[in-house]
């Protein structure tokens, strides 16, 4: 069960970073607004956190307190890294969006 929850958390965590990167690396003007990309990015980040909480809940339900104590520091560190990276990449994508909008307008 923990493997499934951790795998889902990793998938959603990488997806939250993929969306702003995909927007930045696009070759032509996207049909979807930057705000939609940002919404999905933050949604996937939230889902990654939910799956981490479900993992900790599962470990608590089965009484594996030692496992919780072993992983909690890593979970907190990686969660902060995910928050910071998601925010930085989304702000960077937003800046690219504004820059390309000004460039095409003039």
PDB file of N, CA and C in Angstrom:
ATOM      1  N   UNK A   1       0.823  -1.194   0.000  1.00  0.00           N
ATOM      2  CA  UNK A   1       0.000   0.000   0.000  1.00  0.00           C
ATOM      3  C   UNK A   1       0.867   1.258   0.000  1.00  0.00           C
ATOM      4  N   UNK A   2       1.922   1.270   0.814  1.00  0.00           N
ATOM      5  CA  UNK A   2       2.799   2.443   0.879  1.00  0.00           C
ATOM      6  C   UNK A   2       3.489   2.697  -0.450  1.00  0.00           C
ATOM      7  N   UNK A   3       3.860   1.621  -1.147  1.00  0.00           N
ATOM      8  CA  UNK A   3       4.516   1.767  -2.441  1.00  0.00           C
ATOM      9  C   UNK A   3       3.587   2.444  -3.440  1.00  0.00           C
ATOM     10  N   UNK A   4       2.320   2.062  -3.446  1.00  0.00           N
ATOM     11  CA  UNK A   4       1.348   2.669  -4.349  1.00  0.00           C
ATOM     12  C   UNK A   4       1.155   4.146  -4.024  1.00  0.00           C
ATOM     13  N   UNK A   5       1.019   4.466  -2.747  1.00  0.00           N
ATOM     14  CA  UNK A   5       0.821   5.858  -2.346  1.00  0.00           C
ATOM     15  C   UNK A   5       2.053   6.707  -2.649  1.00  0.00           C
ATOM     16  N   UNK A   6       3.234   6.164  -2.389  1.00  0.00           N
ATOM     17  CA  UNK A   6       4.457   6.895  -2.691  1.00  0.00           C
ATOM     18  C   UNK A   6       4.654   7.084  -4.188  1.00  0.00           C
ATOM     19  N   UNK A   7       4.304   6.073  -4.969  1.00  0.00           N
ATOM     20  CA  UNK A   7       4.415   6.184  -6.424  1.00  0.00           C
ATOM     21  C   UNK A   7       3.470   7.253  -6.964  1.00  0.00           C
ATOM     22  N   UNK A   8       2.256   7.287  -6.444  1.00  0.00           N
ATOM     23  CA  UNK A   8       1.298   8.315  -6.864  1.00  0.00           C
ATOM     24  C   UNK A   8       1.801   9.697  -6.463  1.00  0.00           C
ATOM     25  N   UNK A   9       2.377   9.813  -5.286  1.00  0.00           N
ATOM     26  CA  UNK A   9       2.913  11.097  -4.839  1.00  0.00           C
ATOM     27  C   UNK A   9       4.048  11.555  -5.745  1.00  0.00           C
ATOM     28  N   UNK A  10       4.932  10.650  -6.113  1.00  0.00           N
ATOM     29  CA  UNK A  10       6.017  10.993  -7.033  1.00  0.00           C
ATOM     30  C   UNK A  10       5.489  11.414  -8.395  1.00  0.00           C
ATOM     31  N   UNK A  11       4.518  10.690  -8.900  1.00  0.00           N
ATOM     32  CA  UNK A  11       3.924  11.012 -10.199  1.00  0.00           C
ATOM     33  C   UNK A  11       3.316  12.410 -10.186  1.00  0.00           C
ATOM     34  N   UNK A  12       2.541  12.716  -9.165  1.00  0.00           N
ATOM     35  CA  UNK A  12       1.926  14.035  -9.079  1.00  0.00           C
ATOM     36  C   UNK A  12       2.964  15.124  -8.817  1.00  0.00           C
ATOM     37  N   UNK A  13       3.991  14.811  -8.037  1.00  0.00           N
ATOM     38  CA  UNK A  13       5.050  15.790  -7.781  1.00  0.00           C
ATOM     39  C   UNK A  13       5.797  16.153  -9.055  1.00  0.00           C
ATOM     40  N   UNK A  14       6.162  15.147  -9.849  1.00  0.00           N
ATOM     41  CA  UNK A  14       6.831  15.425 -11.120  1.00  0.00           C
ATOM     42  C   UNK A  14       5.898  16.137 -12.091  1.00  0.00           C
ATOM     43  N   UNK A  15       4.628  15.794 -12.060  1.00  0.00           N
ATOM     44  CA  UNK A  15       3.662  16.468 -12.932  1.00  0.00           C
ATOM     45  C   UNK A  15       3.529  17.938 -12.572  1.00  0.00           C
ATOM     46  N   UNK A  16       3.599  18.249 -11.288  1.00  0.00           N
ATOM     47  CA  UNK A  16       3.485  19.656 -10.880  1.00  0.00           C
ATOM     48  C   UNK A  16       4.663  20.470 -11.405  1.00  0.00           C
ATOM     49  N   UNK A  17       5.804  19.832 -11.598  1.00  0.00           N
ATOM     50  CA  UNK A  17       6.962  20.525 -12.154  1.00  0.00           C
ATOM     51  C   UNK A  17       6.953  20.504 -13.679  1.00  0.00           C
ATOM     52  N   UNK A  18       6.296  19.512 -14.262  1.00  0.00           N
ATOM     53  CA  UNK A  18       6.273  19.365 -15.721  1.00  0.00           C
ATOM     54  C   UNK A  18       5.475  20.465 -16.402  1.00  0.00           C
ATOM     55  N   UNK A  19       4.342  20.838 -15.844  1.00  0.00           N
ATOM     56  CA  UNK A  19       3.461  21.797 -16.512  1.00  0.00           C
ATOM     57  C   UNK A  19       4.114  23.151 -16.763  1.00  0.00           C
ATOM     58  N   UNK A  20       4.753  23.792 -15.772  1.00  0.00           N
ATOM     59  CA  UNK A  20       5.398  25.067 -16.094  1.00  0.00           C
ATOM     60  C   UNK A  20       6.586  24.910 -17.049  1.00  0.00           C
ATOM     61  N   UNK A  21       7.317  23.794 -16.929  1.00  0.00           N
ATOM     62  CA  UNK A  21       8.431  23.556 -17.846  1.00  0.00           C
ATOM     63  C   UNK A  21       7.913  23.379 -19.267  1.00  0.00           C
ATOM     64  N   UNK A  22       6.817  22.661 -19.418  1.00  0.00           N
ATOM     65  CA  UNK A  22       6.223  22.475 -20.745  1.00  0.00           C
ATOM     66  C   UNK A  22       5.786  23.800 -21.335  1.00  0.00           C
ATOM     67  N   UNK A  23       5.272  24.693 -20.507  1.00  0.00           N
ATOM     68  CA  UNK A  23       4.858  26.010 -20.998  1.00  0.00           C
ATOM     69  C   UNK A  23       6.072  26.831 -21.439  1.00  0.00           C
ATOM     70  N   UNK A  24       7.143  26.770 -20.666  1.00  0.00           N
ATOM     71  CA  UNK A  24       8.345  27.541 -20.987  1.00  0.00           C
ATOM     72  C   UNK A  24       8.987  27.034 -22.273  1.00  0.00           C
ATOM     73  N   UNK A  25       9.016  25.712 -22.471  1.00  0.00           N
ATOM     74  CA  UNK A  25       9.710  25.119 -23.613  1.00  0.00           C
ATOM     75  C   UNK A  25       8.862  25.019 -24.875  1.00  0.00           C
ATOM     76  N   UNK A  26       7.671  25.554 -24.871  1.00  0.00           N
ATOM     77  CA  UNK A  26       6.801  25.440 -26.031  1.00  0.00           C
ATOM     78  C   UNK A  26       7.433  26.151 -27.223  1.00  0.00           C
ATOM     79  N   UNK A  27       7.136  25.657 -28.403  1.00  0.00           N
ATOM     80  CA  UNK A  27       7.709  26.231 -29.623  1.00  0.00           C
ATOM     81  C   UNK A  27       6.823  27.332 -30.208  1.00  0.00           C
ATOM     82  N   UNK A  28       5.537  27.157 -30.108  1.00  0.00           N
ATOM     83  CA  UNK A  28       4.618  28.161 -30.646  1.00  0.00           C
ATOM     84  C   UNK A  28       3.648  28.575 -29.556  1.00  0.00           C
ATOM     85  N   UNK A  29       2.858  29.566 -29.847  1.00  0.00           N
ATOM     86  CA  UNK A  29       1.921  30.078 -28.856  1.00  0.00           C
ATOM     87  C   UNK A  29       0.934  28.978 -28.458  1.00  0.00           C
ATOM     88  N   UNK A  30       0.839  28.695 -27.156  1.00  0.00           N
ATOM     89  CA  UNK A  30      -0.077  27.637 -26.733  1.00  0.00           C
ATOM     90  C   UNK A  30      -1.535  28.078 -26.845  1.00  0.00           C
ATOM     91  N   UNK A  31      -2.401  27.103 -27.047  1.00  0.00           N
ATOM     92  CA  UNK A  31      -3.828  27.392 -27.125  1.00  0.00           C
ATOM     93  C   UNK A  31      -4.434  27.545 -25.734  1.00  0.00           C
ATOM     94  N   UNK A  32      -3.716  27.079 -24.735  1.00  0.00           N
ATOM     95  CA  UNK A  32      -4.209  27.121 -23.357  1.00  0.00           C
ATOM     96  C   UNK A  32      -3.478  28.237 -22.615  1.00  0.00           C
ATOM     97  N   UNK A  33      -4.189  28.966 -21.803  1.00  0.00           N
ATOM     98  CA  UNK A  33      -3.627  30.075 -21.041  1.00  0.00           C
ATOM     99  C   UNK A  33      -2.627  29.575 -19.996  1.00  0.00           C
ATOM    100  N   UNK A  34      -1.692  30.436 -19.644  1.00  0.00           N
ATOM    101  CA  UNK A  34      -0.726  30.129 -18.590  1.00  0.00           C
ATOM    102  C   UNK A  34      -1.428  29.839 -17.276  1.00  0.00           C
ATOM    103  N   UNK A  35      -2.573  30.471 -17.060  1.00  0.00           N
ATOM    104  CA  UNK A  35      -3.296  30.273 -15.801  1.00  0.00           C
ATOM    105  C   UNK A  35      -3.810  28.841 -15.672  1.00  0.00           C
ATOM    106  N   UNK A  36      -4.151  28.218 -16.781  1.00  0.00           N
ATOM    107  CA  UNK A  36      -4.589  26.814 -16.743  1.00  0.00           C
ATOM    108  C   UNK A  36      -3.403  25.921 -16.404  1.00  0.00           C
ATOM    109  N   UNK A  37      -2.248  26.201 -17.005  1.00  0.00           N
ATOM    110  CA  UNK A  37      -1.041  25.445 -16.681  1.00  0.00           C
ATOM    111  C   UNK A  37      -0.709  25.585 -15.194  1.00  0.00           C
ATOM    112  N   UNK A  38      -0.795  26.806 -14.685  1.00  0.00           N
ATOM    113  CA  UNK A  38      -0.487  27.040 -13.276  1.00  0.00           C
ATOM    114  C   UNK A  38      -1.492  26.337 -12.365  1.00  0.00           C
ATOM    115  N   UNK A  39      -2.753  26.353 -12.748  1.00  0.00           N
ATOM    116  CA  UNK A  39      -3.781  25.697 -11.938  1.00  0.00           C
ATOM    117  C   UNK A  39      -3.499  24.201 -11.836  1.00  0.00           C
ATOM    118  N   UNK A  40      -3.194  23.571 -12.969  1.00  0.00           N
ATOM    119  CA  UNK A  40      -2.892  22.137 -12.939  1.00  0.00           C
ATOM    120  C   UNK A  40      -1.611  21.866 -12.152  1.00  0.00           C
ATOM    121  N   UNK A  41      -0.624  22.732 -12.274  1.00  0.00           N
ATOM    122  CA  UNK A  41       0.625  22.551 -11.548  1.00  0.00           C
ATOM    123  C   UNK A  41       0.384  22.554 -10.039  1.00  0.00           C
ATOM    124  N   UNK A  42      -0.364  23.552  -9.553  1.00  0.00           N
ATOM    125  CA  UNK A  42      -0.637  23.622  -8.114  1.00  0.00           C
ATOM    126  C   UNK A  42      -1.588  22.514  -7.668  1.00  0.00           C
ATOM    127  N   UNK A  43      -2.504  22.103  -8.536  1.00  0.00           N
ATOM    128  CA  UNK A  43      -3.391  20.990  -8.211  1.00  0.00           C
ATOM    129  C   UNK A  43      -2.588  19.703  -8.018  1.00  0.00           C
ATOM    130  N   UNK A  44      -1.651  19.442  -8.928  1.00  0.00           N
ATOM    131  CA  UNK A  44      -0.833  18.239  -8.800  1.00  0.00           C
ATOM    132  C   UNK A  44       0.090  18.305  -7.588  1.00  0.00           C
ATOM    133  N   UNK A  45       0.567  19.504  -7.249  1.00  0.00           N
ATOM    134  CA  UNK A  45       1.378  19.642  -6.043  1.00  0.00           C
ATOM    135  C   UNK A  45       0.539  19.297  -4.812  1.00  0.00           C
ATOM    136  N   UNK A  46      -0.692  19.777  -4.769  1.00  0.00           N
ATOM    137  CA  UNK A  46      -1.577  19.470  -3.639  1.00  0.00           C
ATOM    138  C   UNK A  46      -1.866  17.973  -3.567  1.00  0.00           C
ATOM    139  N   UNK A  47      -2.088  17.348  -4.713  1.00  0.00           N
ATOM    140  CA  UNK A  47      -2.340  15.900  -4.723  1.00  0.00           C
ATOM    141  C   UNK A  47      -1.118  15.120  -4.246  1.00  0.00           C
ATOM    142  N   UNK A  48       0.076  15.586  -4.584  1.00  0.00           N
ATOM    143  CA  UNK A  48       1.299  14.933  -4.095  1.00  0.00           C
ATOM    144  C   UNK A  48       1.351  14.982  -2.568  1.00  0.00           C
ATOM    145  N   UNK A  49       0.975  16.134  -1.994  1.00  0.00           N
ATOM    146  CA  UNK A  49       0.954  16.253  -0.533  1.00  0.00           C
ATOM    147  C   UNK A  49      -0.109  15.352   0.088  1.00  0.00           C
ATOM    148  N   UNK A  50      -1.252  15.280  -0.544  1.00  0.00           N
ATOM    149  CA  UNK A  50      -2.327  14.423  -0.020  1.00  0.00           C
ATOM    150  C   UNK A  50      -1.871  12.970   0.007  1.00  0.00           C
ATOM    151  N   UNK A  51      -1.199  12.525  -1.047  1.00  0.00           N
ATOM    152  CA  UNK A  51      -0.735  11.137  -1.052  1.00  0.00           C
ATOM    153  C   UNK A  51       0.353  10.893  -0.015  1.00  0.00           C
ATOM    154  N   UNK A  52       1.170  11.897   0.274  1.00  0.00           N
ATOM    155  CA  UNK A  52       2.139  11.736   1.357  1.00  0.00           C
ATOM    156  C   UNK A  52       1.441  11.633   2.704  1.00  0.00           C
ATOM    157  N   UNK A  53       0.406  12.433   2.902  1.00  0.00           N
ATOM    158  CA  UNK A  53      -0.366  12.334   4.147  1.00  0.00           C
ATOM    159  C   UNK A  53      -1.063  10.983   4.256  1.00  0.00           C
ATOM    160  N   UNK A  54      -1.568  10.477   3.137  1.00  0.00           N
ATOM    161  CA  UNK A  54      -2.191   9.149   3.154  1.00  0.00           C
ATOM    162  C   UNK A  54      -1.176   8.054   3.476  1.00  0.00           C
ATOM    163  N   UNK A  55       0.053   8.222   3.008  1.00  0.00           N
ATOM    164  CA  UNK A  55       1.110   7.263   3.345  1.00  0.00           C
ATOM    165  C   UNK A  55       1.376   7.267   4.846  1.00  0.00           C
ATOM    166  N   UNK A  56       1.484   8.452   5.425  1.00  0.00           N
ATOM    167  CA  UNK A  56       1.731   8.553   6.871  1.00  0.00           C
ATOM    168  C   UNK A  56       0.537   8.014   7.644  1.00  0.00           C
ATOM    169  N   UNK A  57      -0.674   8.285   7.164  1.00  0.00           N
ATOM    170  CA  UNK A  57      -1.875   7.746   7.815  1.00  0.00           C
ATOM    171  C   UNK A  57      -1.871   6.214   7.764  1.00  0.00           C
ATOM    172  N   UNK A  58      -1.494   5.652   6.622  1.00  0.00           N
ATOM    173  CA  UNK A  58      -1.448   4.189   6.501  1.00  0.00           C
ATOM    174  C   UNK A  58      -0.433   3.602   7.487  1.00  0.00           C
ATOM    175  N   UNK A  59       0.736   4.234   7.578  1.00  0.00           N
ATOM    176  CA  UNK A  59       1.742   3.735   8.519  1.00  0.00           C
ATOM    177  C   UNK A  59       1.260   3.851   9.963  1.00  0.00           C
ATOM    178  N   UNK A  60       0.529   4.905  10.280  1.00  0.00           N
ATOM    179  CA  UNK A  60      -0.016   5.052  11.629  1.00  0.00           C
ATOM    180  C   UNK A  60      -1.094   4.007  11.895  1.00  0.00           C
ATOM    181  N   UNK A  61      -1.922   3.727  10.880  1.00  0.00           N
ATOM    182  CA  UNK A  61      -2.993   2.738  11.059  1.00  0.00           C
ATOM    183  C   UNK A  61      -2.465   1.333  11.289  1.00  0.00           C
ATOM    184  N   UNK A  62      -1.341   1.004  10.648  1.00  0.00           N
ATOM    185  CA  UNK A  62      -0.787  -0.335  10.861  1.00  0.00           C
ATOM    186  C   UNK A  62       0.162  -0.375  12.056  1.00  0.00           C
ATOM    187  N   UNK A  63       0.360   0.772  12.693  1.00  0.00           N
ATOM    188  CA  UNK A  63       1.159   0.825  13.917  1.00  0.00           C
ATOM    189  C   UNK A  63       2.655   0.869  13.691  1.00  0.00           C
ATOM    190  N   UNK A  64       3.089   1.278  12.506  1.00  0.00           N
ATOM    191  CA  UNK A  64       4.519   1.335  12.195  1.00  0.00           C
ATOM    192  C   UNK A  64       5.065   2.735  12.487  1.00  0.00           C
ATOM    193  N   UNK A  65       5.123   3.052  13.767  1.00  0.00           N
ATOM    194  CA  UNK A  65       5.562   4.375  14.195  1.00  0.00           C
ATOM    195  C   UNK A  65       7.034   4.600  13.866  1.00  0.00           C
ATOM    196  N   UNK A  66       7.843   3.549  13.913  1.00  0.00           N
ATOM    197  CA  UNK A  66       9.266   3.671  13.590  1.00  0.00           C
ATOM    198  C   UNK A  66       9.444   4.119  12.145  1.00  0.00           C
ATOM    199  N   UNK A  67       8.628   3.598  11.228  1.00  0.00           N
ATOM    200  CA  UNK A  67       8.705   4.008   9.822  1.00  0.00           C
ATOM    201  C   UNK A  67       8.343   5.485   9.674  1.00  0.00           C
ATOM    202  N   UNK A  68       7.353   5.931  10.422  1.00  0.00           N
ATOM    203  CA  UNK A  68       6.980   7.357  10.368  1.00  0.00           C
ATOM    204  C   UNK A  68       8.142   8.212  10.845  1.00  0.00           C
ATOM    205  N   UNK A  69       8.769   7.804  11.949  1.00  0.00           N
ATOM    206  CA  UNK A  69       9.912   8.561  12.464  1.00  0.00           C
ATOM    207  C   UNK A  69      11.080   8.538  11.493  1.00  0.00           C
ATOM    208  N   UNK A  70      11.239   7.447  10.739  1.00  0.00           N
ATOM    209  CA  UNK A  70      12.315   7.357   9.762  1.00  0.00           C
ATOM    210  C   UNK A  70      12.093   8.262   8.552  1.00  0.00           C
ATOM    211  N   UNK A  71      10.849   8.391   8.095  1.00  0.00           N
ATOM    212  CA  UNK A  71      10.605   9.100   6.838  1.00  0.00           C
ATOM    213  C   UNK A  71      10.191  10.561   7.003  1.00  0.00           C
ATOM    214  N   UNK A  72       9.777  10.971   8.181  1.00  0.00           N
ATOM    215  CA  UNK A  72       9.154  12.287   8.321  1.00  0.00           C
ATOM    216  C   UNK A  72      10.105  13.428   7.975  1.00  0.00           C
ATOM    217  N   UNK A  73      11.383  13.336   8.345  1.00  0.00           N
ATOM    218  CA  UNK A  73      12.329  14.403   8.013  1.00  0.00           C
ATOM    219  C   UNK A  73      12.521  14.522   6.502  1.00  0.00           C
ATOM    220  N   UNK A  74      12.619  13.397   5.822  1.00  0.00           N
ATOM    221  CA  UNK A  74      12.752  13.408   4.363  1.00  0.00           C
ATOM    222  C   UNK A  74      11.509  13.933   3.677  1.00  0.00           C
ATOM    223  N   UNK A  75      10.344  13.566   4.190  1.00  0.00           N
ATOM    224  CA  UNK A  75       9.081  14.029   3.609  1.00  0.00           C
ATOM    225  C   UNK A  75       8.969  15.543   3.742  1.00  0.00           C
ATOM    226  N   UNK A  76       9.331  16.067   4.894  1.00  0.00           N
ATOM    227  CA  UNK A  76       9.260  17.517   5.098  1.00  0.00           C
ATOM    228  C   UNK A  76      10.238  18.239   4.172  1.00  0.00           C
ATOM    229  N   UNK A  77      11.464  17.740   4.056  1.00  0.00           N
ATOM    230  CA  UNK A  77      12.470  18.366   3.192  1.00  0.00           C
ATOM    231  C   UNK A  77      12.028  18.356   1.731  1.00  0.00           C
ATOM    232  N   UNK A  78      11.593  17.208   1.260  1.00  0.00           N
ATOM    233  CA  UNK A  78      11.170  17.094  -0.139  1.00  0.00           C
ATOM    234  C   UNK A  78       9.908  17.921  -0.391  1.00  0.00           C
ATOM    235  N   UNK A  79       9.036  18.019   0.589  1.00  0.00           N
ATOM    236  CA  UNK A  79       7.836  18.847   0.438  1.00  0.00           C
ATOM    237  C   UNK A  79       8.208  20.308   0.265  1.00  0.00           C
ATOM    238  N   UNK A  80       9.148  20.795   1.047  1.00  0.00           N
ATOM    239  CA  UNK A  80       9.585  22.176   0.891  1.00  0.00           C
ATOM    240  C   UNK A  80      10.234  22.403  -0.465  1.00  0.00           C
ATOM    241  N   UNK A  81      11.058  21.457  -0.892  1.00  0.00           N
ATOM    242  CA  UNK A  81      11.687  21.576  -2.210  1.00  0.00           C
ATOM    243  C   UNK A  81      10.628  21.610  -3.303  1.00  0.00           C
ATOM    244  N   UNK A  82       9.614  20.764  -3.197  1.00  0.00           N
ATOM    245  CA  UNK A  82       8.542  20.742  -4.198  1.00  0.00           C
ATOM    246  C   UNK A  82       7.775  22.065  -4.208  1.00  0.00           C
ATOM    247  N   UNK A  83       7.482  22.610  -3.043  1.00  0.00           N
ATOM    248  CA  UNK A  83       6.774  23.892  -2.976  1.00  0.00           C
ATOM    249  C   UNK A  83       7.597  24.991  -3.643  1.00  0.00           C
ATOM    250  N   UNK A  84       8.862  25.093  -3.273  1.00  0.00           N
ATOM    251  CA  UNK A  84       9.714  26.157  -3.802  1.00  0.00           C
ATOM    252  C   UNK A  84       9.903  25.998  -5.313  1.00  0.00           C
ATOM    253  N   UNK A  85      10.194  24.786  -5.763  1.00  0.00           N
ATOM    254  CA  UNK A  85      10.406  24.560  -7.196  1.00  0.00           C
ATOM    255  C   UNK A  85       9.133  24.834  -7.999  1.00  0.00           C
ATOM    256  N   UNK A  86       7.989  24.420  -7.490  1.00  0.00           N
ATOM    257  CA  UNK A  86       6.737  24.660  -8.200  1.00  0.00           C
ATOM    258  C   UNK A  86       6.454  26.150  -8.299  1.00  0.00           C
ATOM    259  N   UNK A  87       6.663  26.864  -7.212  1.00  0.00           N
ATOM    260  CA  UNK A  87       6.420  28.313  -7.241  1.00  0.00           C
ATOM    261  C   UNK A  87       7.396  29.027  -8.171  1.00  0.00           C
ATOM    262  N   UNK A  88       8.673  28.682  -8.104  1.00  0.00           N
ATOM    263  CA  UNK A  88       9.677  29.326  -8.955  1.00  0.00           C
ATOM    264  C   UNK A  88       9.390  29.042 -10.424  1.00  0.00           C
ATOM    265  N   UNK A  89       9.115  27.785 -10.757  1.00  0.00           N
ATOM    266  CA  UNK A  89       8.852  27.443 -12.153  1.00  0.00           C
ATOM    267  C   UNK A  89       7.573  28.100 -12.665  1.00  0.00           C
ATOM    268  N   UNK A  90       6.544  28.184 -11.831  1.00  0.00           N
ATOM    269  CA  UNK A  90       5.312  28.849 -12.255  1.00  0.00           C
ATOM    270  C   UNK A  90       5.522  30.342 -12.428  1.00  0.00           C
ATOM    271  N   UNK A  91       6.283  30.969 -11.545  1.00  0.00           N
ATOM    272  CA  UNK A  91       6.578  32.394 -11.705  1.00  0.00           C
ATOM    273  C   UNK A  91       7.434  32.640 -12.946  1.00  0.00           C
ATOM    274  N   UNK A  92       8.355  31.733 -13.213  1.00  0.00           N
ATOM    275  CA  UNK A  92       9.178  31.836 -14.414  1.00  0.00           C
ATOM    276  C   UNK A  92       8.318  31.678 -15.674  1.00  0.00           C
ATOM    277  N   UNK A  93       7.408  30.727 -15.650  1.00  0.00           N
ATOM    278  CA  UNK A  93       6.498  30.543 -16.791  1.00  0.00           C
ATOM    279  C   UNK A  93       5.606  31.764 -16.978  1.00  0.00           C
ATOM    280  N   UNK A  94       5.156  32.347 -15.874  1.00  0.00           N
ATOM    281  CA  UNK A  94       4.340  33.556 -15.957  1.00  0.00           C
ATOM    282  C   UNK A  94       5.146  34.714 -16.545  1.00  0.00           C
ATOM    283  N   UNK A  95       6.403  34.836 -16.147  1.00  0.00           N
ATOM    284  CA  UNK A  95       7.268  35.879 -16.701  1.00  0.00           C
ATOM    285  C   UNK A  95       7.484  35.658 -18.193  1.00  0.00           C
ATOM    286  N   UNK A  96       7.716  34.399 -18.606  1.00  0.00           N
ATOM    287  CA  UNK A  96       7.860  34.097 -20.032  1.00  0.00           C
ATOM    288  C   UNK A  96       6.578  34.433 -20.780  1.00  0.00           C
ATOM    289  N   UNK A  97       5.449  34.179 -20.158  1.00  0.00           N
ATOM    290  CA  UNK A  97       4.165  34.476 -20.773  1.00  0.00           C
ATOM    291  C   UNK A  97       4.016  35.978 -20.999  1.00  0.00           C
ATOM    292  N   UNK A  98       4.332  36.764 -19.992  1.00  0.00           N
ATOM    293  CA  UNK A  98       4.234  38.226 -20.113  1.00  0.00           C
ATOM    294  C   UNK A  98       5.238  38.761 -21.120  1.00  0.00           C
ATOM    295  N   UNK A  99       6.458  38.194 -21.133  1.00  0.00           N
ATOM    296  CA  UNK A  99       7.478  38.634 -22.067  1.00  0.00           C
ATOM    297  C   UNK A  99       7.080  38.328 -23.491  1.00  0.00           C
ATOM    298  N   UNK A 100       6.599  37.131 -23.750  1.00  0.00           N
ATOM    299  CA  UNK A 100       6.225  36.764 -25.117  1.00  0.00           C
ATOM    300  C   UNK A 100       4.979  37.526 -25.560  1.00  0.00           C
ATOM    301  N   UNK A 101       4.085  37.868 -24.616  1.00  0.00           N
ATOM    302  CA  UNK A 101       2.895  38.642 -24.951  1.00  0.00           C
ATOM    303  C   UNK A 101       3.298  40.062 -25.351  1.00  0.00           C
ATOM    304  N   UNK A 102       4.258  40.663 -24.632  1.00  0.00           N
ATOM    305  CA  UNK A 102       4.722  42.003 -24.965  1.00  0.00           C
ATOM    306  C   UNK A 102       5.480  42.000 -26.284  1.00  0.00           C
ATOM    307  N   UNK A 103       6.249  40.935 -26.531  1.00  0.00           N
ATOM    308  CA  UNK A 103       7.054  40.838 -27.746  1.00  0.00           C
ATOM    309  C   UNK A 103       6.168  40.726 -28.986  1.00  0.00           C
ATOM    310  N   UNK A 104       5.084  39.955 -28.881  1.00  0.00           N
ATOM    311  CA  UNK A 104       4.183  39.791 -30.024  1.00  0.00           C
ATOM    312  C   UNK A 104       3.275  40.995 -30.207  1.00  0.00           C
ATOM    313  N   UNK A 105       3.040  41.773 -29.138  1.00  0.00           N
ATOM    314  CA  UNK A 105       2.151  42.936 -29.221  1.00  0.00           C
ATOM    315  C   UNK A 105       2.848  44.114 -29.898  1.00  0.00           C
ATOM    316  N   UNK A 106       4.185  44.200 -29.785  1.00  0.00           N
ATOM    317  CA  UNK A 106       4.860  45.365 -30.358  1.00  0.00           C
ATOM    318  C   UNK A 106       5.369  45.117 -31.756  1.00  0.00           C
TER     319      UNK A 106
END
